[in-house]
C-alpha atoms as a PDB file:
ATOM      1  CA  MET A   1      -0.630   0.079   0.082  1.00  0.00           C
ATOM      2  CA  LEU A   2       2.622   2.440   0.737  1.00  0.00           C
ATOM      3  CA  LEU A   3       4.324   1.890  -2.673  1.00  0.00           C
ATOM      4  CA  LYS A   4       0.819   2.283  -4.418  1.00  0.00           C
ATOM      5  CA  ASP A   5       0.680   5.449  -2.212  1.00  0.00           C
ATOM      6  CA  ARG A   6       3.758   6.568  -3.490  1.00  0.00           C
ATOM      7  CA  GLY A   7       2.926   5.699  -7.376  1.00  0.00           C
ATOM      8  CA  TYR A   8       4.795   3.044  -7.902  1.00  0.00           C
ATOM      9  CA  GLU A   9       3.655   0.046  -9.868  1.00  0.00           C
ATOM     10  CA  VAL A  10       3.624  -3.330  -7.540  1.00  0.00           C
ATOM     11  CA  ILE A  11       3.350  -6.086  -9.627  1.00  0.00           C
ATOM     12  CA  PRO A  12       3.801  -9.077  -6.593  1.00  0.00           C
ATOM     13  CA  ALA A  13       5.150 -12.656  -6.795  1.00  0.00           C
ATOM     14  CA  GLU A  14       4.734 -14.974  -4.115  1.00  0.00           C
ATOM     15  CA  ASN A  15       8.246 -16.854  -4.325  1.00  0.00           C
ATOM     16  CA  GLY A  16      12.061 -16.265  -6.270  1.00  0.00           C
ATOM     17  CA  LEU A  17      10.602 -18.396  -9.773  1.00  0.00           C
ATOM     18  CA  GLU A  18       7.606 -16.369  -9.793  1.00  0.00           C
ATOM     19  CA  ALA A  19       9.303 -13.094 -10.010  1.00  0.00           C
ATOM     20  CA  LEU A  20      11.944 -14.416 -12.233  1.00  0.00           C
ATOM     21  CA  GLU A  21       8.760 -15.100 -14.675  1.00  0.00           C
ATOM     22  CA  VAL A  22       7.496 -11.712 -14.173  1.00  0.00           C
ATOM     23  CA  LEU A  23      10.743 -10.270 -14.585  1.00  0.00           C
ATOM     24  CA  ARG A  24      11.808 -11.610 -18.361  1.00  0.00           C
ATOM     25  CA  SER A  25       7.668 -10.756 -19.031  1.00  0.00           C
ATOM     26  CA  VAL A  26       7.809  -7.206 -18.087  1.00  0.00           C
ATOM     27  CA  PRO A  27      11.123  -5.899 -19.690  1.00  0.00           C
ATOM     28  CA  ASP A  28      10.656  -2.543 -18.159  1.00  0.00           C
ATOM     29  CA  LEU A  29      10.354  -3.700 -14.754  1.00  0.00           C
ATOM     30  CA  HIS A  30      13.702  -2.332 -12.939  1.00  0.00           C
ATOM     31  CA  LEU A  31      13.757  -2.333  -9.813  1.00  0.00           C
ATOM     32  CA  ILE A  32      12.956  -5.492  -6.944  1.00  0.00           C
ATOM     33  CA  ILE A  33      12.272  -5.492  -3.369  1.00  0.00           C
ATOM     34  CA  THR A  34      12.714  -9.337  -1.755  1.00  0.00           C
ATOM     35  CA  ASP A  35      12.834 -11.413   1.255  1.00  0.00           C
ATOM     36  CA  LEU A  36      15.501 -13.918   1.416  1.00  0.00           C
ATOM     37  CA  ASN A  37      13.257 -16.464   2.952  1.00  0.00           C
ATOM     38  CA  MET A  38      10.708 -18.142   0.583  1.00  0.00           C
ATOM     39  CA  PRO A  39       9.883 -21.339  -1.305  1.00  0.00           C
ATOM     40  CA  ARG A  40      10.888 -22.733  -4.644  1.00  0.00           C
ATOM     41  CA  MET A  41      13.675 -19.977  -5.356  1.00  0.00           C
ATOM     42  CA  ASP A  42      15.053 -17.856  -1.966  1.00  0.00           C
ATOM     43  CA  GLY A  43      16.192 -14.530  -1.876  1.00  0.00           C
ATOM     44  CA  PHE A  44      19.634 -15.193  -2.551  1.00  0.00           C
ATOM     45  CA  SER A  45      19.269 -17.429  -5.998  1.00  0.00           C
ATOM     46  CA  LEU A  46      17.378 -15.033  -6.867  1.00  0.00           C
ATOM     47  CA  ILE A  47      19.694 -12.215  -6.774  1.00  0.00           C
ATOM     48  CA  GLN A  48      22.474 -14.366  -8.587  1.00  0.00           C
ATOM     49  CA  GLU A  49      19.092 -15.052 -11.621  1.00  0.00           C
ATOM     50  CA  VAL A  50      18.629 -11.680 -11.870  1.00  0.00           C
ATOM     51  CA  ARG A  51      22.304 -10.628 -12.076  1.00  0.00           C
ATOM     52  CA  LYS A  52      23.355 -13.714 -14.513  1.00  0.00           C
ATOM     53  CA  TRP A  53      20.577 -12.577 -17.211  1.00  0.00           C
ATOM     54  CA  GLU A  54      19.637  -9.227 -16.591  1.00  0.00           C
ATOM     55  CA  VAL A  55      20.033  -6.478 -19.855  1.00  0.00           C
ATOM     56  CA  SER A  56      19.616  -3.706 -18.619  1.00  0.00           C
ATOM     57  CA  TYR A  57      20.443  -2.694 -14.870  1.00  0.00           C
ATOM     58  CA  THR A  58      17.945  -3.994 -12.038  1.00  0.00           C
ATOM     59  CA  TYR A  59      18.079  -2.413  -8.921  1.00  0.00           C
ATOM     60  CA  ILE A  60      17.083  -4.778  -5.477  1.00  0.00           C
ATOM     61  CA  ILE A  61      16.489  -3.279  -2.690  1.00  0.00           C
ATOM     62  CA  VAL A  62      16.347  -6.921  -0.239  1.00  0.00           C
ATOM     63  CA  LEU A  63      13.528  -6.382   2.559  1.00  0.00           C
ATOM     64  CA  THR A  64      14.198  -9.575   4.834  1.00  0.00           C
ATOM     65  CA  SER A  65      13.761 -10.605   8.840  1.00  0.00           C
ATOM     66  CA  ALA A  66      17.487 -11.618   9.102  1.00  0.00           C
ATOM     67  CA  THR A  67      19.048  -9.117  10.710  1.00  0.00           C
ATOM     68  CA  GLU A  68      22.203 -11.369  11.227  1.00  0.00           C
ATOM     69  CA  ASN A  69      25.691  -9.419   9.286  1.00  0.00           C
ATOM     70  CA  VAL A  70      25.813 -13.420   7.417  1.00  0.00           C
ATOM     71  CA  SER A  71      23.031 -12.881   5.760  1.00  0.00           C
ATOM     72  CA  ARG A  72      23.040  -9.488   4.651  1.00  0.00           C
ATOM     73  CA  PHE A  73      27.260  -9.895   3.916  1.00  0.00           C
ATOM     74  CA  LYS A  74      25.529 -13.545   1.666  1.00  0.00           C
ATOM     75  CA  ALA A  75      22.938 -10.491  -0.170  1.00  0.00           C
ATOM     76  CA  LEU A  76      25.190  -7.845  -0.956  1.00  0.00           C
ATOM     77  CA  GLU A  77      28.277 -10.041  -2.165  1.00  0.00           C
ATOM     78  CA  GLY A  78      25.305 -11.726  -4.345  1.00  0.00           C
ATOM     79  CA  GLY A  79      23.720  -8.242  -6.386  1.00  0.00           C
ATOM     80  CA  ALA A  80      21.682  -7.245  -3.936  1.00  0.00           C
ATOM     81  CA  ASP A  81      21.631  -3.492  -3.384  1.00  0.00           C
ATOM     82  CA  ASP A  82      20.707  -2.231  -0.376  1.00  0.00           C
ATOM     83  CA  TYR A  83      19.587  -4.338   2.747  1.00  0.00           C
ATOM     84  CA  LEU A  84      17.208  -3.522   5.182  1.00  0.00           C
ATOM     85  CA  THR A  85      15.544  -5.319   7.722  1.00  0.00           C
ATOM     86  CA  LYS A  86      11.325  -5.469   9.024  1.00  0.00           C
ATOM     87  CA  PRO A  87       9.924  -3.509   9.921  1.00  0.00           C
ATOM     88  CA  VAL A  88      10.961  -1.244   8.371  1.00  0.00           C
ATOM     89  CA  LEU A  89      10.275   2.390   9.155  1.00  0.00           C
ATOM     90  CA  PRO A  90       7.856   3.844   5.488  1.00  0.00           C
ATOM     91  CA  GLN A  91       9.899   6.976   5.623  1.00  0.00           C
ATOM     92  CA  GLU A  92      13.518   4.899   5.221  1.00  0.00           C
ATOM     93  CA  LEU A  93      11.555   2.848   2.682  1.00  0.00           C
ATOM     94  CA  THR A  94      11.223   5.933   1.270  1.00  0.00           C
ATOM     95  CA  LEU A  95      14.491   7.609   1.257  1.00  0.00           C
ATOM     96  CA  ARG A  96      16.129   4.320  -0.077  1.00  0.00           C
ATOM     97  CA  LEU A  97      13.862   4.270  -3.340  1.00  0.00           C
ATOM     98  CA  ALA A  98      14.791   7.448  -3.603  1.00  0.00           C
ATOM     99  CA  GLY A  99      18.243   6.614  -3.548  1.00  0.00           C
ATOM    100  CA  ALA A 100      17.324   3.684  -6.115  1.00  0.00           C
ATOM    101  CA  GLU A 101      15.658   6.362  -8.379  1.00  0.00           C
ATOM    102  CA  ARG A 102      19.192   8.210  -8.380  1.00  0.00           C
ATOM    103  CA  LEU A 103      20.963   5.061 -10.326  1.00  0.00           C
ATOM    104  CA  LEU A 104      18.184   3.972 -12.564  1.00  0.00           C
ATOM    105  CA  LYS A 105      18.232   7.624 -13.705  1.00  0.00           C
ATOM    106  CA  LEU A 106      21.959   7.516 -13.853  1.00  0.00           C
ATOM    107  CA  VAL A 107      22.191   4.242 -15.877  1.00  0.00           C
ATOM    108  CA  SER A 108      19.303   5.680 -18.424  1.00  0.00           C
ATOM    109  CA  HIS A 109      21.409   8.810 -18.841  1.00  0.00           C
ATOM    110  CA  GLN A 110      24.662   6.423 -19.481  1.00  0.00           C
ATOM    111  CA  ASN A 111      22.313   3.915 -22.026  1.00  0.00           C
ATOM    112  CA  LEU A 112      20.685   7.069 -24.008  1.00  0.00           C
ATOM    113  CA  THR A 113      23.672   8.725 -24.593  1.00  0.00           C
ATOM    114  CA  PHE A 114      26.158   5.742 -25.796  1.00  0.00           C
ATOM    115  CA  ALA A 115      23.204   4.830 -28.270  1.00  0.00           C
ATOM    116  CA  MET A 116      22.699   8.109 -29.352  1.00  0.00           C
ATOM    117  CA  ALA A 117      26.861   7.985 -29.774  1.00  0.00           C
ATOM    118  CA  LYS A 118      27.435   5.159 -31.504  1.00  0.00           C
ATOM    119  CA  LEU A 119      25.177   6.637 -34.592  1.00  0.00           C
ATOM    120  CA  ALA A 120      28.012   8.588 -35.154  1.00  0.00           C
ATOM    121  CA  GLU A 121      30.205   5.479 -34.316  1.00  0.00           C
ATOM    122  CA  TYR A 122      29.044   3.519 -37.248  1.00  0.00           C
ATOM    123  CA  ARG A 123      30.002   6.471 -39.112  1.00  0.00           C
ATOM    124  CA  SER A 124      33.127   7.345 -38.848  1.00  0.00           C
ATOM    125  CA  ARG A 125      36.440   5.235 -38.565  1.00  0.00           C
ATOM    126  CA  GLU A 126      38.203   6.579 -36.052  1.00  0.00           C
ATOM    127  CA  THR A 127      35.568   7.251 -33.455  1.00  0.00           C
ATOM    128  CA  GLY A 128      35.190   4.264 -31.314  1.00  0.00           C
ATOM    129  CA  LEU A 129      38.355   4.482 -29.712  1.00  0.00           C
ATOM    130  CA  HIS A 130      38.230   7.866 -29.292  1.00  0.00           C
ATOM    131  CA  LEU A 131      34.884   7.883 -27.636  1.00  0.00           C
ATOM    132  CA  GLU A 132      36.360   6.426 -24.772  1.00  0.00           C
ATOM    133  CA  ARG A 133      39.446   7.962 -24.551  1.00  0.00           C
ATOM    134  CA  VAL A 134      37.820  12.187 -24.097  1.00  0.00           C
ATOM    135  CA  HIS A 135      35.799  10.227 -21.924  1.00  0.00           C
ATOM    136  CA  HIS A 136      38.168   9.083 -19.722  1.00  0.00           C
ATOM    137  CA  TYR A 137      40.252  11.979 -19.850  1.00  0.00           C
ATOM    138  CA  SER A 138      36.776  14.460 -19.417  1.00  0.00           C
ATOM    139  CA  GLU A 139      36.721  13.163 -16.367  1.00  0.00           C
ATOM    140  CA  LEU A 140      39.976  13.841 -15.702  1.00  0.00           C
ATOM    141  CA  LEU A 141      40.047  17.320 -16.805  1.00  0.00           C
ATOM    142  CA  GLY A 142      37.256  17.964 -14.873  1.00  0.00           C
ATOM    143  CA  GLN A 143      37.612  16.647 -11.635  1.00  0.00           C
ATOM    144  CA  ALA A 144      41.087  18.250 -11.695  1.00  0.00           C
ATOM    145  CA  TYR A 145      39.786  21.829 -12.364  1.00  0.00           C
ATOM    146  CA  VAL A 146      36.982  21.019  -9.049  1.00  0.00           C
ATOM    147  CA  SER A 147      40.321  20.295  -7.154  1.00  0.00           C
ATOM    148  CA  GLU A 148      41.791  23.110  -8.415  1.00  0.00           C
ATOM    149  CA  PHE A 149      39.516  25.885  -7.964  1.00  0.00           C
ATOM    150  CA  SER A 150      37.050  24.444  -5.813  1.00  0.00           C
ATOM    151  CA  PRO A 151      34.322  26.372  -8.033  1.00  0.00           C
ATOM    152  CA  SER A 152      30.529  26.970  -6.946  1.00  0.00           C
ATOM    153  CA  ASP A 153      29.275  26.472  -9.961  1.00  0.00           C
ATOM    154  CA  PHE A 154      30.516  22.990 -11.097  1.00  0.00           C
ATOM    155  CA  SER A 155      31.088  19.941  -8.593  1.00  0.00           C
ATOM    156  CA  HIS A 156      32.240  16.696  -8.791  1.00  0.00           C
ATOM    157  CA  ALA A 157      28.976  15.104  -9.815  1.00  0.00           C
ATOM    158  CA  GLN A 158      28.711  18.087 -12.866  1.00  0.00           C
ATOM    159  CA  ALA A 159      32.595  16.196 -13.807  1.00  0.00           C
ATOM    160  CA  VAL A 160      31.207  13.022 -13.941  1.00  0.00           C
ATOM    161  CA  GLU A 161      27.661  14.183 -16.443  1.00  0.00           C
ATOM    162  CA  VAL A 162      29.932  16.204 -18.489  1.00  0.00           C
ATOM    163  CA  ALA A 163      32.617  12.931 -18.823  1.00  0.00           C
ATOM    164  CA  LEU A 164      29.337  10.687 -19.528  1.00  0.00           C
ATOM    165  CA  LEU A 165      28.625  12.754 -22.318  1.00  0.00           C
ATOM    166  CA  SER A 166      30.972  13.761 -24.135  1.00  0.00           C
ATOM    167  CA  PRO A 167      30.797  10.289 -26.500  1.00  0.00           C
ATOM    168  CA  LEU A 168      28.092  13.286 -27.565  1.00  0.00           C
ATOM    169  CA  HIS A 169      29.817  15.826 -28.687  1.00  0.00           C
ATOM    170  CA  ASP A 170      30.148  14.326 -32.635  1.00  0.00           C
ATOM    171  CA  ILE A 171      26.797  13.565 -32.812  1.00  0.00           C
ATOM    172  CA  GLY A 172      26.123  15.338 -35.789  1.00  0.00           C
ATOM    173  CA  LYS A 173      28.606  14.053 -37.803  1.00  0.00           C
ATOM    174  CA  VAL A 174      25.782  11.622 -39.324  1.00  0.00           C
ATOM    175  CA  ALA A 175      24.578  14.597 -42.026  1.00  0.00           C
ATOM    176  CA  ILE A 176      28.195  14.826 -42.888  1.00  0.00           C
ATOM    177  CA  PRO A 177      28.763  12.830 -46.607  1.00  0.00           C
ATOM    178  CA  ASP A 178      31.075   9.825 -46.023  1.00  0.00           C
ATOM    179  CA  LYS A 179      33.092  11.648 -48.708  1.00  0.00           C
ATOM    180  CA  ILE A 180      34.297  14.716 -46.517  1.00  0.00           C
ATOM    181  CA  LEU A 181      34.136  12.786 -42.724  1.00  0.00           C
ATOM    182  CA  ASN A 182      36.286   9.991 -43.856  1.00  0.00           C
ATOM    183  CA  LYS A 183      38.814  11.961 -46.933  1.00  0.00           C
ATOM    184  CA  PRO A 184      41.979  10.722 -46.786  1.00  0.00           C
ATOM    185  CA  GLY A 185      42.836  13.981 -46.996  1.00  0.00           C
ATOM    186  CA  LYS A 186      43.247  17.688 -46.227  1.00  0.00           C
ATOM    187  CA  LEU A 187      39.452  19.573 -46.537  1.00  0.00           C
ATOM    188  CA  THR A 188      38.869  22.232 -49.590  1.00  0.00           C
ATOM    189  CA  ASP A 189      37.330  25.174 -47.768  1.00  0.00           C
ATOM    190  CA  GLN A 190      34.224  24.047 -49.162  1.00  0.00           C
ATOM    191  CA  GLU A 191      34.304  20.725 -47.965  1.00  0.00           C
ATOM    192  CA  MET A 192      35.813  22.385 -44.094  1.00  0.00           C
ATOM    193  CA  GLU A 193      32.725  24.231 -43.913  1.00  0.00           C
ATOM    194  CA  ILE A 194      30.116  21.737 -44.790  1.00  0.00           C
ATOM    195  CA  MET A 195      32.494  19.891 -42.041  1.00  0.00           C
ATOM    196  CA  LYS A 196      31.931  22.368 -39.329  1.00  0.00           C
ATOM    197  CA  THR A 197      27.999  21.902 -39.591  1.00  0.00           C
ATOM    198  CA  HIS A 198      27.925  18.675 -37.145  1.00  0.00           C
ATOM    199  CA  THR A 199      28.147  21.493 -34.114  1.00  0.00           C
ATOM    200  CA  THR A 200      24.484  22.863 -35.696  1.00  0.00           C
ATOM    201  CA  LEU A 201      23.155  19.889 -36.488  1.00  0.00           C
ATOM    202  CA  GLY A 202      24.127  18.069 -33.773  1.00  0.00           C
ATOM    203  CA  GLY A 203      23.159  20.910 -31.241  1.00  0.00           C
ATOM    204  CA  THR A 204      20.258  21.343 -32.749  1.00  0.00           C
ATOM    205  CA  PHE A 205      19.039  17.638 -32.571  1.00  0.00           C
ATOM    206  CA  ILE A 206      19.693  17.137 -29.105  1.00  0.00           C
ATOM    207  CA  HIS A 207      17.901  21.224 -27.845  1.00  0.00           C
ATOM    208  CA  GLU A 208      14.988  19.961 -29.690  1.00  0.00           C
ATOM    209  CA  ILE A 209      14.886  17.066 -26.821  1.00  0.00           C
ATOM    210  CA  TYR A 210      15.501  19.405 -24.049  1.00  0.00           C
ATOM    211  CA  ARG A 211      12.618  21.523 -25.660  1.00  0.00           C
ATOM    212  CA  LYS A 212      10.653  18.478 -24.713  1.00  0.00           C
ATOM    213  CA  PHE A 213      11.745  17.112 -21.265  1.00  0.00           C
ATOM    214  CA  SER A 214      13.780  20.312 -19.970  1.00  0.00           C
ATOM    215  CA  THR A 215      16.207  18.381 -18.468  1.00  0.00           C
ATOM    216  CA  PRO A 216      19.627  20.169 -16.916  1.00  0.00           C
ATOM    217  CA  TYR A 217      21.342  16.564 -17.908  1.00  0.00           C
ATOM    218  CA  LEU A 218      20.058  17.272 -22.285  1.00  0.00           C
ATOM    219  CA  LEU A 219      21.080  21.038 -21.155  1.00  0.00           C
ATOM    220  CA  LEU A 220      24.746  20.109 -20.419  1.00  0.00           C
ATOM    221  CA  ALA A 221      24.890  17.625 -23.752  1.00  0.00           C
ATOM    222  CA  TYR A 222      23.589  20.318 -25.884  1.00  0.00           C
ATOM    223  CA  GLU A 223      26.291  22.486 -24.702  1.00  0.00           C
ATOM    224  CA  ILE A 224      29.128  20.600 -25.150  1.00  0.00           C
ATOM    225  CA  VAL A 225      27.536  19.910 -29.164  1.00  0.00           C
ATOM    226  CA  MET A 226      27.321  22.764 -30.048  1.00  0.00           C
ATOM    227  CA  TYR A 227      30.293  24.284 -28.597  1.00  0.00           C
ATOM    228  CA  HIS A 228      33.536  21.840 -28.492  1.00  0.00           C
ATOM    229  CA  HIS A 229      35.147  23.946 -31.038  1.00  0.00           C
ATOM    230  CA  GLU A 230      35.010  27.624 -30.088  1.00  0.00           C
ATOM    231  CA  ARG A 231      37.924  28.087 -29.113  1.00  0.00           C
ATOM    232  CA  TRP A 232      39.165  30.478 -25.896  1.00  0.00           C
ATOM    233  CA  ASP A 233      40.445  33.717 -28.620  1.00  0.00           C
ATOM    234  CA  GLY A 234      36.731  33.834 -30.201  1.00  0.00           C
ATOM    235  CA  THR A 235      38.175  31.699 -33.531  1.00  0.00           C
ATOM    236  CA  GLY A 236      36.494  29.288 -32.822  1.00  0.00           C
ATOM    237  CA  TYR A 237      32.977  28.447 -34.506  1.00  0.00           C
ATOM    238  CA  PRO A 238      30.031  27.643 -34.832  1.00  0.00           C
ATOM    239  CA  GLU A 239      29.958  31.051 -32.913  1.00  0.00           C
ATOM    240  CA  GLY A 240      33.049  32.619 -31.928  1.00  0.00           C
ATOM    241  CA  LEU A 241      32.060  32.830 -28.721  1.00  0.00           C
ATOM    242  CA  LYS A 242      35.645  33.901 -26.906  1.00  0.00           C
ATOM    243  CA  GLY A 243      36.758  33.260 -23.248  1.00  0.00           C
ATOM    244  CA  ASP A 244      33.993  32.328 -20.637  1.00  0.00           C
ATOM    245  CA  SER A 245      31.152  32.934 -22.553  1.00  0.00           C
ATOM    246  CA  ILE A 246      32.259  29.033 -23.532  1.00  0.00           C
ATOM    247  CA  PRO A 247      30.149  27.017 -21.258  1.00  0.00           C
ATOM    248  CA  LEU A 248      32.704  24.998 -19.000  1.00  0.00           C
ATOM    249  CA  SER A 249      31.668  21.802 -20.298  1.00  0.00           C
ATOM    250  CA  ALA A 250      32.080  22.602 -24.125  1.00  0.00           C
ATOM    251  CA  ARG A 251      35.860  24.070 -22.815  1.00  0.00           C
ATOM    252  CA  ILE A 252      36.278  20.693 -20.738  1.00  0.00           C
ATOM    253  CA  VAL A 253      35.047  18.146 -23.999  1.00  0.00           C
ATOM    254  CA  ALA A 254      37.282  20.904 -26.557  1.00  0.00           C
ATOM    255  CA  LEU A 255      40.500  20.257 -25.037  1.00  0.00           C
ATOM    256  CA  ALA A 256      40.168  16.442 -23.925  1.00  0.00           C
ATOM    257  CA  ASP A 257      38.851  16.296 -27.652  1.00  0.00           C
ATOM    258  CA  THR A 258      41.528  18.268 -29.381  1.00  0.00           C
ATOM    259  CA  TYR A 259      44.030  16.106 -27.053  1.00  0.00           C
ATOM    260  CA  ASP A 260      43.056  13.059 -28.566  1.00  0.00           C
ATOM    261  CA  ALA A 261      43.183  14.415 -31.529  1.00  0.00           C
ATOM    262  CA  ILE A 262      46.383  15.291 -32.420  1.00  0.00           C
ATOM    263  CA  THR A 263      47.782  12.406 -30.670  1.00  0.00           C
ATOM    264  CA  SER A 264      46.176   9.943 -32.522  1.00  0.00           C
ATOM    265  CA  SER A 265      46.507   9.081 -36.078  1.00  0.00           C
ATOM    266  CA  ARG A 266      43.411   9.793 -38.764  1.00  0.00           C
ATOM    267  CA  CYS A 267      43.219   8.030 -42.310  1.00  0.00           C
ATOM    268  CA  TYR A 268      44.014  12.268 -43.137  1.00  0.00           C
ATOM    269  CA  LYS A 269      47.525  12.204 -40.825  1.00  0.00           C
ATOM    270  CA  GLU A 270      49.843  11.251 -38.651  1.00  0.00           C
ATOM    271  CA  ALA A 271      50.009  11.372 -34.539  1.00  0.00           C
ATOM    272  CA  ILE A 272      52.583  13.473 -32.663  1.00  0.00           C
ATOM    273  CA  PRO A 273      54.226  12.572 -29.581  1.00  0.00           C
ATOM    274  CA  LYS A 274      52.472  14.514 -26.419  1.00  0.00           C
ATOM    275  CA  ASP A 275      55.450  16.724 -25.294  1.00  0.00           C
ATOM    276  CA  GLU A 276      54.329  18.076 -28.633  1.00  0.00           C
ATOM    277  CA  ALA A 277      50.594  18.305 -28.556  1.00  0.00           C
ATOM    278  CA  GLU A 278      50.720  19.736 -24.737  1.00  0.00           C
ATOM    279  CA  GLN A 279      53.599  22.734 -26.211  1.00  0.00           C
ATOM    280  CA  LEU A 280      50.552  23.167 -29.250  1.00  0.00           C
ATOM    281  CA  ILE A 281      47.948  22.814 -26.768  1.00  0.00           C
END
């Protein structure tokens, strides 16, 4: 009753086997609250089975009368996310569920980000590992910035979000013709102007999604996609923004993207040594 009052759709199951059948028939079910002592299949076995075959992440809360540490450790080691003992206070259960929702939202954001980023990866020969490296460099830079300057408007959590969204930076390249995107040589001025449109094409795509859902996460994605080719001196594109007028998220990804681009071999150039790359940047 408590869960229904808080807007959750509750699908009951008598035991672990029945719970597995429910999970397999309801693909959008991502939260389980289970006891440990059940007939046919106990909670420990249920947790292990879910972790074996789950396609997307399922958050598992154990709610049981078993108070001994052995059961707690066994459940958590087996893959449970949280452990509560009966009787549980309604307020505590509500708070634990809020934590579950935050994690599931983050997972869904990650899945959406990488699914869209794959669109660009399929088009460009060098994009795959590039996305992983840019993600890594972006998080290092963001975390270092927070540690060094302790800014009031940018946190460690936001640095993580910037890194998670960084694979989207070239999403607009899905609309660039193959003969330009994978040309084995220098682009002509006209081809370069077409290539530059990947920022506005991608930015427009993300902004249309943002207008529908209005989440800060999507606004951050828009800033990265739209402005990751702006330069501090105003010579970048698409708007020629200068200095602090360039969103911090875009500046972080721009630096990570540039560093990886010039230290990696591409179809049109050779890689340069890391020390030279630092000097060039």
